[in-house]
Amino acid sequence: QELGREVALKQIQERFADQPESRGRFVREARITGHLEHPGIVPVYGLGAYADGRPYYAMRFVRGESLQEAIQRFHAAESPRRDA
């Protein structure tokens, strides 16, 4: 909000939210990804936590089809297929 930028928030899944090991892995993912710079990697803008301690991170919002839509399009293609 402070920058007036539209972002995507990634948050830990509810079923893993109370597991310290899962929270740690999620935070490590955010920190590692935040250090990467590559055209194929969505940049991470910030890491935070909700009032209950559940972590989340903000990254560039990428418009376009979802991963699920891309997978469906790939499998529906009539062109020669690659080995999945």
PDB file of N, CA and C in Angstrom:
ATOM      1  N   GLN A   1       0.816  -1.192   0.000  1.00  0.00           N
ATOM      2  CA  GLN A   1       0.000   0.000   0.000  1.00  0.00           C
ATOM      3  C   GLN A   1       0.861   1.257   0.000  1.00  0.00           C
ATOM      4  N   GLU A   2       1.939   1.227   0.755  1.00  0.00           N
ATOM      5  CA  GLU A   2       2.765   2.417   0.879  1.00  0.00           C
ATOM      6  C   GLU A   2       3.298   2.898  -0.464  1.00  0.00           C
ATOM      7  N   LEU A   3       3.541   1.983  -1.376  1.00  0.00           N
ATOM      8  CA  LEU A   3       4.107   2.333  -2.676  1.00  0.00           C
ATOM      9  C   LEU A   3       3.047   2.440  -3.767  1.00  0.00           C
ATOM     10  N   GLY A   4       1.804   2.143  -3.448  1.00  0.00           N
ATOM     11  CA  GLY A   4       0.744   2.188  -4.445  1.00  0.00           C
ATOM     12  C   GLY A   4       0.946   1.169  -5.548  1.00  0.00           C
ATOM     13  N   ARG A   5       1.459   0.034  -5.197  1.00  0.00           N
ATOM     14  CA  ARG A   5       1.803  -0.998  -6.156  1.00  0.00           C
ATOM     15  C   ARG A   5       0.902  -2.212  -5.954  1.00  0.00           C
ATOM     16  N   GLU A   6       0.431  -2.787  -7.070  1.00  0.00           N
ATOM     17  CA  GLU A   6      -0.366  -4.002  -6.986  1.00  0.00           C
ATOM     18  C   GLU A   6       0.586  -5.186  -6.858  1.00  0.00           C
ATOM     19  N   VAL A   7       0.375  -6.003  -5.836  1.00  0.00           N
ATOM     20  CA  VAL A   7       1.259  -7.137  -5.588  1.00  0.00           C
ATOM     21  C   VAL A   7       0.434  -8.412  -5.406  1.00  0.00           C
ATOM     22  N   ALA A   8       1.125  -9.523  -5.473  1.00  0.00           N
ATOM     23  CA  ALA A   8       0.529 -10.817  -5.128  1.00  0.00           C
ATOM     24  C   ALA A   8       1.073 -11.195  -3.756  1.00  0.00           C
ATOM     25  N   LEU A   9       0.210 -11.685  -2.885  1.00  0.00           N
ATOM     26  CA  LEU A   9       0.648 -12.151  -1.574  1.00  0.00           C
ATOM     27  C   LEU A   9       0.643 -13.668  -1.560  1.00  0.00           C
ATOM     28  N   LYS A  10       1.744 -14.228  -1.138  1.00  0.00           N
ATOM     29  CA  LYS A  10       1.816 -15.668  -0.945  1.00  0.00           C
ATOM     30  C   LYS A  10       1.811 -15.896   0.553  1.00  0.00           C
ATOM     31  N   GLN A  11       0.929 -16.764   1.005  1.00  0.00           N
ATOM     32  CA  GLN A  11       0.861 -17.055   2.428  1.00  0.00           C
ATOM     33  C   GLN A  11       0.900 -18.551   2.656  1.00  0.00           C
ATOM     34  N   ILE A  12       1.337 -18.924   3.835  1.00  0.00           N
ATOM     35  CA  ILE A  12       1.441 -20.337   4.163  1.00  0.00           C
ATOM     36  C   ILE A  12       0.038 -20.939   4.217  1.00  0.00           C
ATOM     37  N   GLN A  13      -0.084 -22.163   3.761  1.00  0.00           N
ATOM     38  CA  GLN A  13      -1.384 -22.831   3.786  1.00  0.00           C
ATOM     39  C   GLN A  13      -1.847 -23.009   5.226  1.00  0.00           C
ATOM     40  N   GLU A  14      -3.137 -22.848   5.431  1.00  0.00           N
ATOM     41  CA  GLU A  14      -3.724 -22.911   6.775  1.00  0.00           C
ATOM     42  C   GLU A  14      -3.340 -24.198   7.510  1.00  0.00           C
ATOM     43  N   ARG A  15      -3.319 -25.319   6.795  1.00  0.00           N
ATOM     44  CA  ARG A  15      -3.041 -26.604   7.464  1.00  0.00           C
ATOM     45  C   ARG A  15      -1.612 -26.709   7.976  1.00  0.00           C
ATOM     46  N   PHE A  16      -0.700 -25.852   7.471  1.00  0.00           N
ATOM     47  CA  PHE A  16       0.687 -25.867   7.927  1.00  0.00           C
ATOM     48  C   PHE A  16       1.026 -24.675   8.819  1.00  0.00           C
ATOM     49  N   ALA A  17       0.070 -23.788   9.021  1.00  0.00           N
ATOM     50  CA  ALA A  17       0.331 -22.513   9.682  1.00  0.00           C
ATOM     51  C   ALA A  17       0.851 -22.647  11.106  1.00  0.00           C
ATOM     52  N   ASP A  18       0.470 -23.682  11.813  1.00  0.00           N
ATOM     53  CA  ASP A  18       0.886 -23.834  13.205  1.00  0.00           C
ATOM     54  C   ASP A  18       2.103 -24.739  13.381  1.00  0.00           C
ATOM     55  N   GLN A  19       2.698 -25.171  12.286  1.00  0.00           N
ATOM     56  CA  GLN A  19       3.874 -26.042  12.362  1.00  0.00           C
ATOM     57  C   GLN A  19       5.144 -25.198  12.229  1.00  0.00           C
ATOM     58  N   PRO A  20       5.944 -25.107  13.298  1.00  0.00           N
ATOM     59  CA  PRO A  20       7.164 -24.283  13.252  1.00  0.00           C
ATOM     60  C   PRO A  20       8.100 -24.654  12.089  1.00  0.00           C
ATOM     61  N   GLU A  21       8.218 -25.933  11.795  1.00  0.00           N
ATOM     62  CA  GLU A  21       9.097 -26.361  10.690  1.00  0.00           C
ATOM     63  C   GLU A  21       8.579 -25.836   9.347  1.00  0.00           C
ATOM     64  N   SER A  22       7.273 -25.897   9.146  1.00  0.00           N
ATOM     65  CA  SER A  22       6.682 -25.400   7.905  1.00  0.00           C
ATOM     66  C   SER A  22       6.816 -23.886   7.796  1.00  0.00           C
ATOM     67  N   ARG A  23       6.603 -23.183   8.899  1.00  0.00           N
ATOM     68  CA  ARG A  23       6.777 -21.729   8.891  1.00  0.00           C
ATOM     69  C   ARG A  23       8.214 -21.358   8.553  1.00  0.00           C
ATOM     70  N   GLY A  24       9.161 -22.082   9.156  1.00  0.00           N
ATOM     71  CA  GLY A  24      10.572 -21.816   8.876  1.00  0.00           C
ATOM     72  C   GLY A  24      10.919 -22.040   7.417  1.00  0.00           C
ATOM     73  N   ARG A  25      10.399 -23.108   6.850  1.00  0.00           N
ATOM     74  CA  ARG A  25      10.653 -23.421   5.437  1.00  0.00           C
ATOM     75  C   ARG A  25      10.052 -22.339   4.537  1.00  0.00           C
ATOM     76  N   PHE A  26       8.866 -21.861   4.885  1.00  0.00           N
ATOM     77  CA  PHE A  26       8.201 -20.815   4.117  1.00  0.00           C
ATOM     78  C   PHE A  26       9.022 -19.523   4.148  1.00  0.00           C
ATOM     79  N   VAL A  27       9.496 -19.145   5.319  1.00  0.00           N
ATOM     80  CA  VAL A  27      10.299 -17.923   5.456  1.00  0.00           C
ATOM     81  C   VAL A  27      11.623 -18.069   4.706  1.00  0.00           C
ATOM     82  N   ARG A  28      12.258 -19.234   4.779  1.00  0.00           N
ATOM     83  CA  ARG A  28      13.496 -19.483   4.006  1.00  0.00           C
ATOM     84  C   ARG A  28      13.242 -19.333   2.513  1.00  0.00           C
ATOM     85  N   GLU A  29      12.129 -19.877   2.043  1.00  0.00           N
ATOM     86  CA  GLU A  29      11.757 -19.749   0.629  1.00  0.00           C
ATOM     87  C   GLU A  29      11.682 -18.280   0.229  1.00  0.00           C
ATOM     88  N   ALA A  30      11.027 -17.474   1.052  1.00  0.00           N
ATOM     89  CA  ALA A  30      10.887 -16.045   0.749  1.00  0.00           C
ATOM     90  C   ALA A  30      12.246 -15.362   0.723  1.00  0.00           C
ATOM     91  N   ARG A  31      13.091 -15.662   1.692  1.00  0.00           N
ATOM     92  CA  ARG A  31      14.408 -15.020   1.763  1.00  0.00           C
ATOM     93  C   ARG A  31      15.299 -15.426   0.590  1.00  0.00           C
ATOM     94  N   ILE A  32      15.297 -16.693   0.266  1.00  0.00           N
ATOM     95  CA  ILE A  32      16.118 -17.170  -0.861  1.00  0.00           C
ATOM     96  C   ILE A  32      15.621 -16.574  -2.167  1.00  0.00           C
ATOM     97  N   THR A  33      14.309 -16.646  -2.394  1.00  0.00           N
ATOM     98  CA  THR A  33      13.739 -16.106  -3.620  1.00  0.00           C
ATOM     99  C   THR A  33      13.971 -14.601  -3.712  1.00  0.00           C
ATOM    100  N   GLY A  34      13.948 -13.927  -2.575  1.00  0.00           N
ATOM    101  CA  GLY A  34      14.175 -12.493  -2.544  1.00  0.00           C
ATOM    102  C   GLY A  34      15.568 -12.074  -2.975  1.00  0.00           C
ATOM    103  N   HIS A  35      16.513 -13.001  -2.919  1.00  0.00           N
ATOM    104  CA  HIS A  35      17.885 -12.710  -3.340  1.00  0.00           C
ATOM    105  C   HIS A  35      18.150 -13.032  -4.808  1.00  0.00           C
ATOM    106  N   LEU A  36      17.194 -13.669  -5.464  1.00  0.00           N
ATOM    107  CA  LEU A  36      17.391 -14.087  -6.846  1.00  0.00           C
ATOM    108  C   LEU A  36      16.957 -12.998  -7.823  1.00  0.00           C
ATOM    109  N   GLU A  37      17.714 -12.857  -8.896  1.00  0.00           N
ATOM    110  CA  GLU A  37      17.351 -11.937  -9.969  1.00  0.00           C
ATOM    111  C   GLU A  37      17.490 -12.676 -11.291  1.00  0.00           C
ATOM    112  N   HIS A  38      16.365 -12.899 -11.932  1.00  0.00           N
ATOM    113  CA  HIS A  38      16.344 -13.615 -13.207  1.00  0.00           C
ATOM    114  C   HIS A  38      15.021 -13.290 -13.882  1.00  0.00           C
ATOM    115  N   PRO A  39      15.004 -13.138 -15.209  1.00  0.00           N
ATOM    116  CA  PRO A  39      13.751 -12.806 -15.897  1.00  0.00           C
ATOM    117  C   PRO A  39      12.636 -13.826 -15.675  1.00  0.00           C
ATOM    118  N   GLY A  40      12.990 -15.071 -15.375  1.00  0.00           N
ATOM    119  CA  GLY A  40      11.986 -16.115 -15.181  1.00  0.00           C
ATOM    120  C   GLY A  40      11.545 -16.279 -13.739  1.00  0.00           C
ATOM    121  N   ILE A  41      12.036 -15.444 -12.830  1.00  0.00           N
ATOM    122  CA  ILE A  41      11.688 -15.542 -11.417  1.00  0.00           C
ATOM    123  C   ILE A  41      10.973 -14.268 -10.990  1.00  0.00           C
ATOM    124  N   VAL A  42       9.801 -14.416 -10.410  1.00  0.00           N
ATOM    125  CA  VAL A  42       9.025 -13.266  -9.958  1.00  0.00           C
ATOM    126  C   VAL A  42       9.721 -12.652  -8.739  1.00  0.00           C
ATOM    127  N   PRO A  43      10.011 -11.344  -8.785  1.00  0.00           N
ATOM    128  CA  PRO A  43      10.710 -10.721  -7.655  1.00  0.00           C
ATOM    129  C   PRO A  43       9.857 -10.617  -6.396  1.00  0.00           C
ATOM    130  N   VAL A  44      10.513 -10.819  -5.264  1.00  0.00           N
ATOM    131  CA  VAL A  44       9.880 -10.683  -3.956  1.00  0.00           C
ATOM    132  C   VAL A  44      10.144  -9.272  -3.463  1.00  0.00           C
ATOM    133  N   TYR A  45       9.092  -8.586  -3.013  1.00  0.00           N
ATOM    134  CA  TYR A  45       9.214  -7.205  -2.537  1.00  0.00           C
ATOM    135  C   TYR A  45       9.319  -7.089  -1.025  1.00  0.00           C
ATOM    136  N   GLY A  46       8.738  -8.030  -0.295  1.00  0.00           N
ATOM    137  CA  GLY A  46       8.784  -7.916   1.158  1.00  0.00           C
ATOM    138  C   GLY A  46       8.247  -9.147   1.840  1.00  0.00           C
ATOM    139  N   LEU A  47       8.639  -9.308   3.098  1.00  0.00           N
ATOM    140  CA  LEU A  47       8.236 -10.438   3.931  1.00  0.00           C
ATOM    141  C   LEU A  47       7.579  -9.871   5.175  1.00  0.00           C
ATOM    142  N   GLY A  48       6.482 -10.465   5.608  1.00  0.00           N
ATOM    143  CA  GLY A  48       5.801  -9.985   6.801  1.00  0.00           C
ATOM    144  C   GLY A  48       5.069 -11.111   7.493  1.00  0.00           C
ATOM    145  N   ALA A  49       4.323 -10.755   8.524  1.00  0.00           N
ATOM    146  CA  ALA A  49       3.542 -11.739   9.271  1.00  0.00           C
ATOM    147  C   ALA A  49       2.241 -11.083   9.721  1.00  0.00           C
ATOM    148  N   TYR A  50       1.188 -11.882   9.748  1.00  0.00           N
ATOM    149  CA  TYR A  50      -0.092 -11.428  10.266  1.00  0.00           C
ATOM    150  C   TYR A  50       0.005 -11.333  11.795  1.00  0.00           C
ATOM    151  N   ALA A  51      -1.015 -10.773  12.418  1.00  0.00           N
ATOM    152  CA  ALA A  51      -1.024 -10.597  13.872  1.00  0.00           C
ATOM    153  C   ALA A  51      -0.852 -11.925  14.615  1.00  0.00           C
ATOM    154  N   ASP A  52      -1.335 -13.016  14.006  1.00  0.00           N
ATOM    155  CA  ASP A  52      -1.206 -14.325  14.660  1.00  0.00           C
ATOM    156  C   ASP A  52       0.139 -14.995  14.381  1.00  0.00           C
ATOM    157  N   GLY A  53       1.024 -14.306  13.671  1.00  0.00           N
ATOM    158  CA  GLY A  53       2.365 -14.833  13.407  1.00  0.00           C
ATOM    159  C   GLY A  53       2.520 -15.573  12.093  1.00  0.00           C
ATOM    160  N   ARG A  54       1.419 -15.817  11.376  1.00  0.00           N
ATOM    161  CA  ARG A  54       1.521 -16.521  10.093  1.00  0.00           C
ATOM    162  C   ARG A  54       2.273 -15.651   9.092  1.00  0.00           C
ATOM    163  N   PRO A  55       3.302 -16.205   8.457  1.00  0.00           N
ATOM    164  CA  PRO A  55       4.093 -15.412   7.514  1.00  0.00           C
ATOM    165  C   PRO A  55       3.436 -15.302   6.140  1.00  0.00           C
ATOM    166  N   TYR A  56       3.805 -14.245   5.441  1.00  0.00           N
ATOM    167  CA  TYR A  56       3.408 -14.041   4.052  1.00  0.00           C
ATOM    168  C   TYR A  56       4.515 -13.253   3.382  1.00  0.00           C
ATOM    169  N   TYR A  57       4.538 -13.276   2.052  1.00  0.00           N
ATOM    170  CA  TYR A  57       5.434 -12.365   1.357  1.00  0.00           C
ATOM    171  C   TYR A  57       4.762 -11.795   0.131  1.00  0.00           C
ATOM    172  N   ALA A  58       5.205 -10.582  -0.206  1.00  0.00           N
ATOM    173  CA  ALA A  58       4.644  -9.854  -1.333  1.00  0.00           C
ATOM    174  C   ALA A  58       5.601  -9.961  -2.506  1.00  0.00           C
ATOM    175  N   MET A  59       5.034 -10.177  -3.682  1.00  0.00           N
ATOM    176  CA  MET A  59       5.854 -10.264  -4.889  1.00  0.00           C
ATOM    177  C   MET A  59       5.119  -9.593  -6.036  1.00  0.00           C
ATOM    178  N   ARG A  60       5.839  -9.397  -7.126  1.00  0.00           N
ATOM    179  CA  ARG A  60       5.228  -8.747  -8.286  1.00  0.00           C
ATOM    180  C   ARG A  60       3.986  -9.514  -8.704  1.00  0.00           C
ATOM    181  N   PHE A  61       2.937  -8.768  -9.006  1.00  0.00           N
ATOM    182  CA  PHE A  61       1.712  -9.363  -9.526  1.00  0.00           C
ATOM    183  C   PHE A  61       1.878  -9.518 -11.026  1.00  0.00           C
ATOM    184  N   VAL A  62       1.754 -10.726 -11.504  1.00  0.00           N
ATOM    185  CA  VAL A  62       1.919 -11.017 -12.927  1.00  0.00           C
ATOM    186  C   VAL A  62       0.550 -11.321 -13.513  1.00  0.00           C
ATOM    187  N   ARG A  63       0.120 -10.498 -14.455  1.00  0.00           N
ATOM    188  CA  ARG A  63      -1.173 -10.726 -15.112  1.00  0.00           C
ATOM    189  C   ARG A  63      -1.024 -11.838 -16.149  1.00  0.00           C
ATOM    190  N   GLY A  64      -2.071 -12.561 -16.345  1.00  0.00           N
ATOM    191  CA  GLY A  64      -2.059 -13.624 -17.339  1.00  0.00           C
ATOM    192  C   GLY A  64      -2.778 -14.843 -16.814  1.00  0.00           C
ATOM    193  N   GLU A  65      -2.569 -15.939 -17.496  1.00  0.00           N
ATOM    194  CA  GLU A  65      -3.252 -17.157 -17.102  1.00  0.00           C
ATOM    195  C   GLU A  65      -2.630 -17.742 -15.837  1.00  0.00           C
ATOM    196  N   SER A  66      -3.427 -18.496 -15.135  1.00  0.00           N
ATOM    197  CA  SER A  66      -2.939 -19.161 -13.928  1.00  0.00           C
ATOM    198  C   SER A  66      -2.114 -20.380 -14.328  1.00  0.00           C
ATOM    199  N   LEU A  67      -1.386 -20.915 -13.380  1.00  0.00           N
ATOM    200  CA  LEU A  67      -0.618 -22.130 -13.645  1.00  0.00           C
ATOM    201  C   LEU A  67      -1.550 -23.259 -14.056  1.00  0.00           C
ATOM    202  N   GLN A  68      -2.700 -23.362 -13.384  1.00  0.00           N
ATOM    203  CA  GLN A  68      -3.679 -24.392 -13.730  1.00  0.00           C
ATOM    204  C   GLN A  68      -4.139 -24.240 -15.182  1.00  0.00           C
ATOM    205  N   GLU A  69      -4.393 -23.021 -15.621  1.00  0.00           N
ATOM    206  CA  GLU A  69      -4.814 -22.782 -17.007  1.00  0.00           C
ATOM    207  C   GLU A  69      -3.700 -23.149 -17.985  1.00  0.00           C
ATOM    208  N   ALA A  70      -2.465 -22.829 -17.651  1.00  0.00           N
ATOM    209  CA  ALA A  70      -1.336 -23.165 -18.522  1.00  0.00           C
ATOM    210  C   ALA A  70      -1.170 -24.674 -18.645  1.00  0.00           C
ATOM    211  N   ILE A  71      -1.357 -25.388 -17.559  1.00  0.00           N
ATOM    212  CA  ILE A  71      -1.246 -26.854 -17.577  1.00  0.00           C
ATOM    213  C   ILE A  71      -2.351 -27.441 -18.452  1.00  0.00           C
ATOM    214  N   GLN A  72      -3.567 -26.941 -18.291  1.00  0.00           N
ATOM    215  CA  GLN A  72      -4.681 -27.437 -19.108  1.00  0.00           C
ATOM    216  C   GLN A  72      -4.449 -27.150 -20.590  1.00  0.00           C
ATOM    217  N   ARG A  73      -3.942 -25.959 -20.890  1.00  0.00           N
ATOM    218  CA  ARG A  73      -3.657 -25.600 -22.284  1.00  0.00           C
ATOM    219  C   ARG A  73      -2.572 -26.517 -22.852  1.00  0.00           C
ATOM    220  N   PHE A  74      -1.548 -26.796 -22.070  1.00  0.00           N
ATOM    221  CA  PHE A  74      -0.464 -27.674 -22.510  1.00  0.00           C
ATOM    222  C   PHE A  74      -0.999 -29.065 -22.851  1.00  0.00           C
ATOM    223  N   HIS A  75      -1.827 -29.603 -21.978  1.00  0.00           N
ATOM    224  CA  HIS A  75      -2.339 -30.963 -22.187  1.00  0.00           C
ATOM    225  C   HIS A  75      -3.394 -31.026 -23.283  1.00  0.00           C
ATOM    226  N   ALA A  76      -4.023 -29.901 -23.591  1.00  0.00           N
ATOM    227  CA  ALA A  76      -5.038 -29.870 -24.649  1.00  0.00           C
ATOM    228  C   ALA A  76      -4.437 -29.624 -26.036  1.00  0.00           C
ATOM    229  N   ALA A  77      -3.177 -29.226 -26.084  1.00  0.00           N
ATOM    230  CA  ALA A  77      -2.547 -28.890 -27.356  1.00  0.00           C
ATOM    231  C   ALA A  77      -2.478 -30.108 -28.251  1.00  0.00           C
ATOM    232  N   GLU A  78      -2.727 -29.876 -29.557  1.00  0.00           N
ATOM    233  CA  GLU A  78      -2.686 -30.975 -30.517  1.00  0.00           C
ATOM    234  C   GLU A  78      -1.310 -31.074 -31.197  1.00  0.00           C
ATOM    235  N   SER A  79      -0.407 -30.176 -30.841  1.00  0.00           N
ATOM    236  CA  SER A  79       0.940 -30.229 -31.428  1.00  0.00           C
ATOM    237  C   SER A  79       1.728 -31.376 -30.795  1.00  0.00           C
ATOM    238  N   PRO A  80       2.856 -31.749 -31.421  1.00  0.00           N
ATOM    239  CA  PRO A  80       3.686 -32.830 -30.832  1.00  0.00           C
ATOM    240  C   PRO A  80       3.995 -32.514 -29.375  1.00  0.00           C
ATOM    241  N   ARG A  81       3.849 -33.500 -28.517  1.00  0.00           N
ATOM    242  CA  ARG A  81       4.010 -33.272 -27.092  1.00  0.00           C
ATOM    243  C   ARG A  81       5.383 -33.675 -26.600  1.00  0.00           C
ATOM    244  N   ARG A  82       5.791 -32.966 -25.600  1.00  0.00           N
ATOM    245  CA  ARG A  82       7.039 -33.295 -24.936  1.00  0.00           C
ATOM    246  C   ARG A  82       6.737 -34.261 -23.811  1.00  0.00           C
ATOM    247  N   ASP A  83       7.754 -34.951 -23.377  1.00  0.00           N
ATOM    248  CA  ASP A  83       7.611 -35.845 -22.237  1.00  0.00           C
ATOM    249  C   ASP A  83       7.325 -35.009 -20.998  1.00  0.00           C
ATOM    250  N   ALA A  84       6.205 -35.268 -20.342  1.00  0.00           N
ATOM    251  CA  ALA A  84       5.819 -34.497 -19.139  1.00  0.00           C
ATOM    252  C   ALA A  84       6.825 -34.705 -18.049  1.00  0.00           C
TER     253      ALA A  84
END
